[in-house]
């Protein structure tokens, strides 16, 4: 996962210090945090499809800010 270090750092600050981007929760946001949130949502969507056993092209895509059809194969 290309954002693994950023995700781990953000998680540690959030869980252990209740901070996001160096500020108390709810006081800061930037484009990097938005991209991280969208990447996690994309991954969770792929994970849910995998758990449900749905074979589709979306499960192998990388987050790229585009809308993808599921293209269910079976």
Protein backbone atom coordinates (compact mmCIF):
# COMPACT_ATOMS: atom_id res chain seq x y z
CA UNK A 1 0.00 0.00 0.00
CA UNK A 2 1.67 3.23 -1.11
CA UNK A 3 0.29 5.30 1.80
CA UNK A 4 1.12 2.79 4.54
CA UNK A 5 3.48 5.07 6.48
CA UNK A 6 1.13 8.07 6.26
CA UNK A 7 -1.76 5.87 7.34
CA UNK A 8 0.20 4.46 10.31
CA UNK A 9 1.34 7.94 11.40
CA UNK A 10 -2.19 9.36 11.11
CA UNK A 11 -3.64 6.39 12.99
CA UNK A 12 -1.12 6.71 15.82
CA UNK A 13 -1.74 10.43 16.27
CA UNK A 14 -5.49 9.92 16.06
CA UNK A 15 -5.74 6.96 18.43
CA UNK A 16 -3.04 7.83 20.95
CA UNK A 17 -3.26 11.62 21.02
CA UNK A 18 -6.74 12.45 19.57
CA UNK A 19 -5.00 14.71 17.05
CA UNK A 20 -5.38 15.12 13.29
CA UNK A 21 -2.77 17.15 11.34
CA UNK A 22 -1.29 18.31 14.64
CA UNK A 23 -4.57 19.81 15.85
CA UNK A 24 -7.29 18.53 18.19
CA UNK A 25 -9.93 16.48 16.37
CA UNK A 26 -12.27 18.51 14.19
CA UNK A 27 -9.97 21.53 13.76
CA UNK A 28 -7.78 20.64 10.78
CA UNK A 29 -8.00 19.14 7.31
CA UNK A 30 -5.90 19.24 4.16
CA UNK A 31 -5.81 17.63 0.73
CA UNK A 32 -3.47 14.88 1.99
CA UNK A 33 -5.94 13.82 4.67
CA UNK A 34 -8.77 13.91 2.11
CA UNK A 35 -6.80 11.67 -0.27
CA UNK A 36 -5.99 9.30 2.60
CA UNK A 37 -9.67 9.09 3.56
CA UNK A 38 -10.69 8.39 -0.05
CA UNK A 39 -8.01 5.70 -0.39
CA UNK A 40 -9.24 3.99 2.78
CA UNK A 41 -12.85 4.15 1.56
CA UNK A 42 -11.78 2.63 -1.78
CA UNK A 43 -9.89 -0.16 0.00
CA UNK A 44 -12.84 -0.86 2.33
CA UNK A 45 -15.16 -1.11 -0.69
CA UNK A 46 -12.81 -3.65 -2.27
CA UNK A 47 -12.57 -5.53 1.01
CA UNK A 48 -16.35 -5.76 1.38
CA UNK A 49 -16.73 -7.07 -2.16
CA UNK A 50 -14.07 -9.69 -1.44
CA UNK A 51 -15.75 -10.77 1.80
CA UNK A 52 -19.04 -11.12 -0.09
CA UNK A 53 -17.27 -13.19 -2.75
CA UNK A 54 -18.13 -10.84 -5.61
CA UNK A 55 -15.63 -11.21 -8.46
CA UNK A 56 -15.25 -7.94 -10.36
CA UNK A 57 -12.64 -5.72 -11.97
CA UNK A 58 -13.10 -3.03 -9.30
CA UNK A 59 -11.41 -5.27 -6.72
CA UNK A 60 -8.09 -4.98 -8.59
CA UNK A 61 -8.13 -1.23 -9.31
CA UNK A 62 -5.93 1.33 -7.61
CA UNK A 63 -7.62 4.45 -6.22
CA UNK A 64 -7.30 7.16 -8.87
CA UNK A 65 -10.17 9.58 -8.11
CA UNK A 66 -12.28 8.05 -10.88
CA UNK A 67 -15.65 6.35 -10.60
CA UNK A 68 -15.43 2.68 -11.55
CA UNK A 69 -18.19 0.30 -12.50
CA UNK A 70 -18.18 -3.04 -10.72
CA UNK A 71 -17.99 -5.02 -13.98
CA UNK A 72 -19.14 -8.18 -12.23
CA UNK A 73 -17.60 -11.17 -13.97
CA UNK A 74 -19.71 -13.99 -12.52
